[in-house]
């Protein structure tokens, strides 16, 4: 951290908690590993994507396909139920804002209230069409795909009950959500080809694999869910996990697992968030991919306290929106003259500290 950063932060010593977070966030975010400047070519302007407002609602759809064998079926079931429960426990979702379509639905899990239906074509279409009629402009939808996939040069599919669905067919279903922010986390085997079909401007698309040839069942899904659980993937310690943080946590955990096993990795996770369908293995906010994923959070405003008043929710949204502006400005550092950059950064940090202080004072009174 340089003297300019310290002088900005030292003005807020009246709030130790705010100062501690800001110092850690700036120190982490400006390390050379994370702030290495890359070419601006291919980078998109996040614009109005993934804004933080009190009136925005967030939804999740979990699609879990069928499997053969009790071990794999049990693993898919555990991942799906864990993800469902984590979204409710740690991220402020309700059962009404989560749709879980799993295997054969109630035929497979008659005693589990989490399951909303079968993971077959008709149910997927019906549920997504119903959700499209419910969401409003600016809302956010996160889709998780768990199960098996197949890939080839001609066509990639997600294995569901009955006829499988292709990436192009699934992409057509998502056309109904062109006014919403979308995150798609495809953790299936051979997920790459399917995922490229879903790439579009304003979307964060995560694939557990980087090519159709990676056909073995990935372990990426388990580590991605682990990143979300209790916010384990929170690198910058702002008590939130961005999709970039979750991706990097899972990717690094997968690499470590294969190294510990002494095995050659059979999966390589990749991410695209600039709409060019050219997935990146090591995304960050200064490269072609990573800038949008860094500001894509799936937690709702009431994640830590369901009883927040409208005034408190508005302040919390302002805090999160200012954090978003800090991240966006940092990702564009190479686009500014040094003095202009630091003038804007200082003002954002001042506004963030003041608003955070107001929010905590409101909670204490």
Foldseek 3Di string as FASTA:
>chain_A
DDPLQVVLLVVQVVDVVLSVLSVLLVVVCPDCVFQPFDDPPQADQLPPFLAFALPAAEAEEEAEADDPDPVLRVVSVVLQVLLVVLCVQQFPDDLVRYAYAYYQFCVVVVPDPSHPGHNDDVVVLVVLVVVLVVHDAAYEYEYEYHYAKADDPVWIFRHHPDDTDTLLRVLVSCVSVPRYQYEYAYQHFLCLVSQLSNFAARYKYKYFANHNQLGDRDPLSVQLSVCSHQVVQPPSPPSFAFQLSSNVRSQVVQVVVCVVVVHDDSGQMWMAHHRPSNTDRRDHLNDSPHVSSVLHTRGRLCSPPVPDDPVLSRLSSVLSNLVNVLSNLSSCVVVDDPVVSSVVNSVSSVVNSVSVVVSVVVVVD
